[in-house]
Structures are given as structure tokens and as C-alpha cells.
Amino acid sequence: VQLVESGGGLVQPGGSLRLSCAASGFTVSSYSLTWYRQAPGKERELVATISSGGAKRNYADSVKGRFTISRDNAKNTVYLQMNSLKPEDTAIYYCKSPRLSSWGQGTQVTVSS
């Protein structure tokens, strides 16, 4: 039972990235799922959450209108589409489900010119 994050990288300000959170060993749509991020020297913060049914999606104020969380049930994967990226979005991004007690490795996002 695990979640594996991928899709991070280096992007210029204003650019886009799509992060993936692939689940194995359980059905990701049976639970809510949250993307978090942690920047150097800062605490981990919530970025976006999708409910188990998919109807409810919540975002941190800092990413509203720029980031979109979605899910592909056939692929058992949750995505985070990030547009209009800013340097302050630089962080390690993690996905977390109530099904798991531990955190994954995360994926590094760096926004820099």
C-alpha cells in the first residue's frame, strides 16, 4: 500500500507542471486525498484536497485559481495541475491519504529563472 509522487522539476516563473500521485494496494477514490508542500525552512502546508466522491475540492488561498486537483479513477491516480507558477511555489510536494500513516518521498518543484 503506497502513494508515489512524480512530475516535479525545474520550471520558469509563469510556467506549468502536472504532478502525479499514483496509488497502489488500495483504491484511491475510496478516500480523500491531499497535496501538501514543504519549502526549505518552513512547515509543511496543505495545498489542495479532493474528497472521496470527487465533488469537493479545496485549495489553499495561495494557489486558488492557479492549481487544480483532479483524479483518474481508472489509473488510480490523483493529479495536481499547477499553472502560473511562482518562485514561492518552490517546495517538495507530497500527497497523503488517510489510508496511509506514513509520507512518501515527495517530488521537488523548483520555480526559478
N, C-alpha and C. Protein backbone atom coordinates (compact mmCIF):
# COMPACT_ATOMS: atom_id res chain seq x y z
N VAL A 1 0.87 -1.19 0.00
CA VAL A 1 0.00 0.00 0.00
C VAL A 1 0.89 1.23 0.00
N GLN A 2 0.83 2.00 -1.04
CA GLN A 2 1.68 3.18 -1.11
C GLN A 2 1.15 4.21 -2.09
N LEU A 3 1.69 5.43 -1.94
CA LEU A 3 1.47 6.53 -2.87
C LEU A 3 2.84 6.97 -3.37
N VAL A 4 2.94 7.19 -4.66
CA VAL A 4 4.21 7.62 -5.24
C VAL A 4 3.99 8.90 -6.02
N GLU A 5 4.70 9.96 -5.60
CA GLU A 5 4.61 11.25 -6.27
C GLU A 5 5.62 11.34 -7.40
N SER A 6 5.25 12.04 -8.46
CA SER A 6 6.16 12.27 -9.58
C SER A 6 5.71 13.51 -10.34
N GLY A 7 6.57 13.94 -11.26
CA GLY A 7 6.21 15.05 -12.13
C GLY A 7 6.86 16.38 -11.80
N GLY A 8 7.61 16.43 -10.73
CA GLY A 8 8.27 17.67 -10.37
C GLY A 8 9.42 17.99 -11.31
N GLY A 9 9.99 19.17 -11.12
CA GLY A 9 11.11 19.58 -11.95
C GLY A 9 11.39 21.05 -11.79
N LEU A 10 12.24 21.54 -12.69
CA LEU A 10 12.60 22.95 -12.72
C LEU A 10 11.79 23.64 -13.81
N VAL A 11 11.15 24.73 -13.44
CA VAL A 11 10.32 25.46 -14.39
C VAL A 11 10.50 26.96 -14.16
N GLN A 12 10.36 27.74 -15.23
CA GLN A 12 10.48 29.19 -15.10
C GLN A 12 9.20 29.78 -14.53
N PRO A 13 9.30 30.93 -13.89
CA PRO A 13 8.10 31.61 -13.40
C PRO A 13 7.08 31.79 -14.53
N GLY A 14 5.82 31.53 -14.20
CA GLY A 14 4.76 31.59 -15.20
C GLY A 14 4.51 30.27 -15.90
N GLY A 15 5.38 29.31 -15.68
CA GLY A 15 5.25 28.02 -16.33
C GLY A 15 4.27 27.09 -15.63
N SER A 16 4.19 25.86 -16.14
CA SER A 16 3.23 24.88 -15.62
C SER A 16 3.91 23.54 -15.39
N LEU A 17 3.36 22.80 -14.46
CA LEU A 17 3.75 21.42 -14.22
C LEU A 17 2.51 20.64 -13.80
N ARG A 18 2.52 19.35 -14.06
CA ARG A 18 1.47 18.48 -13.56
C ARG A 18 2.10 17.39 -12.71
N LEU A 19 1.74 17.38 -11.46
CA LEU A 19 2.22 16.34 -10.54
C LEU A 19 1.25 15.17 -10.52
N SER A 20 1.81 13.99 -10.35
CA SER A 20 1.00 12.78 -10.25
C SER A 20 1.22 12.10 -8.90
N CYS A 21 0.15 11.50 -8.41
CA CYS A 21 0.20 10.74 -7.16
C CYS A 21 -0.45 9.39 -7.47
N ALA A 22 0.38 8.39 -7.70
CA ALA A 22 -0.11 7.08 -8.09
C ALA A 22 -0.27 6.18 -6.87
N ALA A 23 -1.43 5.61 -6.73
CA ALA A 23 -1.72 4.74 -5.59
C ALA A 23 -1.61 3.27 -6.01
N SER A 24 -1.11 2.47 -5.09
CA SER A 24 -1.08 1.03 -5.30
C SER A 24 -1.47 0.32 -4.00
N GLY A 25 -2.16 -0.77 -4.15
CA GLY A 25 -2.56 -1.54 -2.98
C GLY A 25 -3.88 -1.13 -2.36
N PHE A 26 -4.44 -0.05 -2.85
CA PHE A 26 -5.76 0.38 -2.38
C PHE A 26 -6.39 1.28 -3.45
N THR A 27 -7.68 1.51 -3.31
CA THR A 27 -8.42 2.33 -4.27
C THR A 27 -8.41 3.77 -3.79
N VAL A 28 -7.72 4.62 -4.52
CA VAL A 28 -7.51 6.00 -4.05
C VAL A 28 -8.82 6.76 -3.94
N SER A 29 -9.80 6.40 -4.77
CA SER A 29 -11.07 7.13 -4.75
C SER A 29 -11.94 6.79 -3.54
N SER A 30 -11.54 5.82 -2.76
CA SER A 30 -12.29 5.46 -1.55
C SER A 30 -12.01 6.40 -0.39
N TYR A 31 -11.03 7.26 -0.57
CA TYR A 31 -10.62 8.18 0.48
C TYR A 31 -10.41 9.57 -0.10
N SER A 32 -10.42 10.56 0.76
CA SER A 32 -9.97 11.87 0.31
C SER A 32 -8.47 11.81 0.08
N LEU A 33 -7.96 12.78 -0.65
CA LEU A 33 -6.52 12.85 -0.85
C LEU A 33 -6.10 14.31 -0.85
N THR A 34 -4.98 14.56 -0.21
CA THR A 34 -4.49 15.93 -0.05
C THR A 34 -3.07 16.05 -0.57
N TRP A 35 -2.83 17.12 -1.30
CA TRP A 35 -1.47 17.51 -1.67
C TRP A 35 -0.97 18.51 -0.62
N TYR A 36 0.26 18.29 -0.17
CA TYR A 36 0.94 19.19 0.74
C TYR A 36 2.26 19.63 0.09
N ARG A 37 2.85 20.66 0.65
CA ARG A 37 4.18 21.05 0.21
C ARG A 37 4.97 21.58 1.39
N GLN A 38 6.28 21.44 1.25
CA GLN A 38 7.18 21.95 2.29
C GLN A 38 8.36 22.63 1.65
N ALA A 39 8.44 23.91 1.89
CA ALA A 39 9.55 24.72 1.38
C ALA A 39 10.70 24.68 2.38
N PRO A 40 11.92 24.95 1.92
CA PRO A 40 13.07 24.94 2.83
C PRO A 40 12.87 25.87 4.02
N GLY A 41 13.07 25.35 5.20
CA GLY A 41 12.96 26.16 6.40
C GLY A 41 11.54 26.46 6.85
N LYS A 42 10.57 25.88 6.17
CA LYS A 42 9.17 26.15 6.51
C LYS A 42 8.44 24.87 6.88
N GLU A 43 7.31 25.03 7.54
CA GLU A 43 6.49 23.87 7.89
C GLU A 43 5.72 23.37 6.67
N ARG A 44 5.36 22.11 6.73
CA ARG A 44 4.55 21.53 5.66
C ARG A 44 3.17 22.19 5.67
N GLU A 45 2.65 22.51 4.49
CA GLU A 45 1.36 23.18 4.41
C GLU A 45 0.45 22.47 3.41
N LEU A 46 -0.85 22.57 3.67
CA LEU A 46 -1.84 21.98 2.78
C LEU A 46 -1.95 22.82 1.52
N VAL A 47 -2.01 22.13 0.37
CA VAL A 47 -2.14 22.82 -0.91
C VAL A 47 -3.55 22.62 -1.48
N ALA A 48 -3.98 21.37 -1.57
CA ALA A 48 -5.28 21.08 -2.18
C ALA A 48 -5.78 19.72 -1.71
N THR A 49 -7.10 19.59 -1.61
CA THR A 49 -7.73 18.35 -1.19
C THR A 49 -8.87 18.02 -2.12
N ILE A 50 -9.02 16.73 -2.43
CA ILE A 50 -10.16 16.25 -3.19
C ILE A 50 -10.88 15.21 -2.33
N SER A 51 -12.21 15.30 -2.28
CA SER A 51 -12.97 14.37 -1.45
C SER A 51 -13.02 13.00 -2.10
N SER A 52 -13.46 12.01 -1.33
CA SER A 52 -13.52 10.65 -1.86
C SER A 52 -14.47 10.57 -3.06
N GLY A 53 -15.56 11.31 -3.01
CA GLY A 53 -16.51 11.30 -4.13
C GLY A 53 -16.05 12.17 -5.30
N GLY A 54 -15.11 13.03 -5.00
CA GLY A 54 -14.60 13.91 -6.04
C GLY A 54 -15.36 15.22 -6.21
N ALA A 55 -16.48 15.36 -5.51
CA ALA A 55 -17.30 16.56 -5.70
C ALA A 55 -16.73 17.78 -4.97
N LYS A 56 -16.00 17.54 -3.89
CA LYS A 56 -15.47 18.66 -3.10
C LYS A 56 -13.96 18.78 -3.32
N ARG A 57 -13.56 20.00 -3.64
CA ARG A 57 -12.13 20.28 -3.83
C ARG A 57 -11.84 21.59 -3.12
N ASN A 58 -10.84 21.57 -2.29
CA ASN A 58 -10.46 22.76 -1.53
C ASN A 58 -9.01 23.10 -1.81
N TYR A 59 -8.74 24.40 -1.77
CA TYR A 59 -7.39 24.87 -2.10
C TYR A 59 -6.92 25.88 -1.07
N ALA A 60 -5.63 25.92 -0.87
CA ALA A 60 -5.04 27.00 -0.08
C ALA A 60 -5.24 28.31 -0.83
N ASP A 61 -5.41 29.38 -0.09
CA ASP A 61 -5.63 30.68 -0.72
C ASP A 61 -4.49 31.03 -1.67
N SER A 62 -3.29 30.61 -1.34
CA SER A 62 -2.12 30.98 -2.13
C SER A 62 -2.09 30.33 -3.51
N VAL A 63 -2.90 29.29 -3.73
CA VAL A 63 -2.87 28.60 -5.02
C VAL A 63 -4.21 28.64 -5.75
N LYS A 64 -5.22 29.21 -5.13
CA LYS A 64 -6.55 29.27 -5.76
C LYS A 64 -6.47 29.98 -7.10
N GLY A 65 -7.11 29.38 -8.08
CA GLY A 65 -7.13 29.96 -9.42
C GLY A 65 -5.93 29.59 -10.26
N ARG A 66 -4.92 28.98 -9.64
CA ARG A 66 -3.72 28.58 -10.38
C ARG A 66 -3.54 27.06 -10.40
N PHE A 67 -3.91 26.40 -9.32
CA PHE A 67 -3.73 24.95 -9.21
C PHE A 67 -5.09 24.25 -9.30
N THR A 68 -5.08 23.05 -9.86
CA THR A 68 -6.30 22.24 -9.95
C THR A 68 -5.98 20.80 -9.56
N ILE A 69 -6.75 20.28 -8.62
CA ILE A 69 -6.60 18.88 -8.23
C ILE A 69 -7.66 18.06 -8.95
N SER A 70 -7.25 16.90 -9.44
CA SER A 70 -8.18 16.02 -10.16
C SER A 70 -7.78 14.57 -9.93
N ARG A 71 -8.66 13.68 -10.39
CA ARG A 71 -8.39 12.25 -10.15
C ARG A 71 -8.81 11.45 -11.36
N ASP A 72 -8.04 10.44 -11.70
CA ASP A 72 -8.38 9.48 -12.76
C ASP A 72 -8.57 8.14 -12.08
N ASN A 73 -9.82 7.75 -11.89
CA ASN A 73 -10.09 6.51 -11.16
C ASN A 73 -9.56 5.28 -11.90
N ALA A 74 -9.60 5.31 -13.20
CA ALA A 74 -9.11 4.17 -13.98
C ALA A 74 -7.62 3.95 -13.77
N LYS A 75 -6.90 5.05 -13.56
CA LYS A 75 -5.45 4.95 -13.35
C LYS A 75 -5.10 4.95 -11.87
N ASN A 76 -6.12 5.10 -11.01
CA ASN A 76 -5.89 5.11 -9.57
C ASN A 76 -4.86 6.17 -9.19
N THR A 77 -5.01 7.33 -9.80
CA THR A 77 -4.01 8.39 -9.68
C THR A 77 -4.71 9.73 -9.46
N VAL A 78 -4.10 10.55 -8.62
CA VAL A 78 -4.55 11.92 -8.40
C VAL A 78 -3.50 12.86 -8.96
N TYR A 79 -3.96 13.94 -9.56
CA TYR A 79 -3.06 14.91 -10.20
C TYR A 79 -3.16 16.27 -9.53
N LEU A 80 -2.12 17.05 -9.69
CA LEU A 80 -2.14 18.45 -9.30
C LEU A 80 -1.59 19.24 -10.48
N GLN A 81 -2.47 19.90 -11.20
CA GLN A 81 -2.07 20.76 -12.31
C GLN A 81 -1.72 22.13 -11.74
N MET A 82 -0.51 22.56 -11.99
CA MET A 82 -0.02 23.82 -11.46
C MET A 82 0.31 24.77 -12.60
N ASN A 83 -0.41 25.86 -12.67
CA ASN A 83 -0.19 26.87 -13.69
C ASN A 83 0.27 28.18 -13.06
N SER A 84 0.78 29.05 -13.90
CA SER A 84 1.24 30.37 -13.43
C SER A 84 2.13 30.24 -12.20
N LEU A 85 3.09 29.35 -12.29
CA LEU A 85 3.95 29.08 -11.14
C LEU A 85 4.79 30.28 -10.75
N LYS A 86 5.00 30.40 -9.45
CA LYS A 86 5.76 31.50 -8.88
C LYS A 86 6.96 30.94 -8.11
N PRO A 87 7.99 31.73 -7.92
CA PRO A 87 9.14 31.25 -7.13
C PRO A 87 8.74 30.75 -5.75
N GLU A 88 7.73 31.35 -5.16
CA GLU A 88 7.29 30.93 -3.83
C GLU A 88 6.57 29.58 -3.82
N ASP A 89 6.32 29.01 -5.00
CA ASP A 89 5.76 27.66 -5.09
C ASP A 89 6.85 26.60 -4.96
N THR A 90 8.10 27.02 -4.95
CA THR A 90 9.20 26.08 -4.82
C THR A 90 9.11 25.32 -3.51
N ALA A 91 9.09 24.01 -3.60
CA ALA A 91 8.93 23.16 -2.42
C ALA A 91 8.98 21.70 -2.84
N ILE A 92 9.03 20.83 -1.85
CA ILE A 92 8.80 19.41 -2.10
C ILE A 92 7.30 19.18 -1.92
N TYR A 93 6.69 18.54 -2.89
CA TYR A 93 5.26 18.30 -2.87
C TYR A 93 4.98 16.83 -2.52
N TYR A 94 4.06 16.64 -1.60
CA TYR A 94 3.69 15.31 -1.13
C TYR A 94 2.18 15.09 -1.29
N CYS A 95 1.79 13.86 -1.54
CA CYS A 95 0.38 13.53 -1.49
C CYS A 95 0.15 12.60 -0.29
N LYS A 96 -1.05 12.71 0.28
CA LYS A 96 -1.33 11.96 1.51
C LYS A 96 -2.77 11.52 1.52
N SER A 97 -2.97 10.25 1.88
CA SER A 97 -4.31 9.69 2.03
C SER A 97 -4.48 9.21 3.47
N PRO A 98 -5.69 9.29 4.00
CA PRO A 98 -5.94 8.75 5.35
C PRO A 98 -5.66 7.25 5.43
N ARG A 99 -5.59 6.60 4.27
CA ARG A 99 -5.32 5.17 4.24
C ARG A 99 -3.90 4.84 4.71
N LEU A 100 -3.00 5.80 4.56
CA LEU A 100 -1.60 5.57 4.90
C LEU A 100 -1.19 6.45 6.08
N SER A 101 -0.38 5.90 6.96
CA SER A 101 0.10 6.67 8.10
C SER A 101 1.44 7.35 7.80
N SER A 102 2.13 6.88 6.79
CA SER A 102 3.45 7.43 6.50
C SER A 102 3.42 8.33 5.27
N TRP A 103 4.47 9.11 5.13
CA TRP A 103 4.62 10.02 4.00
C TRP A 103 5.52 9.37 2.95
N GLY A 104 5.30 9.75 1.70
CA GLY A 104 6.16 9.29 0.63
C GLY A 104 7.40 10.16 0.50
N GLN A 105 8.12 9.97 -0.60
CA GLN A 105 9.36 10.71 -0.84
C GLN A 105 9.09 12.13 -1.31
N GLY A 106 7.95 12.33 -1.90
CA GLY A 106 7.65 13.66 -2.44
C GLY A 106 8.32 13.87 -3.80
N THR A 107 7.98 14.99 -4.41
CA THR A 107 8.59 15.37 -5.68
C THR A 107 8.95 16.85 -5.62
N GLN A 108 10.17 17.16 -6.03
CA GLN A 108 10.70 18.52 -5.91
C GLN A 108 10.20 19.41 -7.05
N VAL A 109 9.67 20.55 -6.70
CA VAL A 109 9.28 21.57 -7.68
C VAL A 109 10.13 22.81 -7.40
N THR A 110 10.82 23.25 -8.44
CA THR A 110 11.64 24.45 -8.33
C THR A 110 11.23 25.43 -9.40
N VAL A 111 10.85 26.62 -8.98
CA VAL A 111 10.42 27.67 -9.90
C VAL A 111 11.47 28.78 -9.87
N SER A 112 12.19 28.88 -10.96
CA SER A 112 13.31 29.82 -10.99
C SER A 112 13.66 30.17 -12.43
N SER A 113 14.13 31.39 -12.61
CA SER A 113 14.58 31.79 -13.93
C SER A 113 16.08 31.58 -14.07
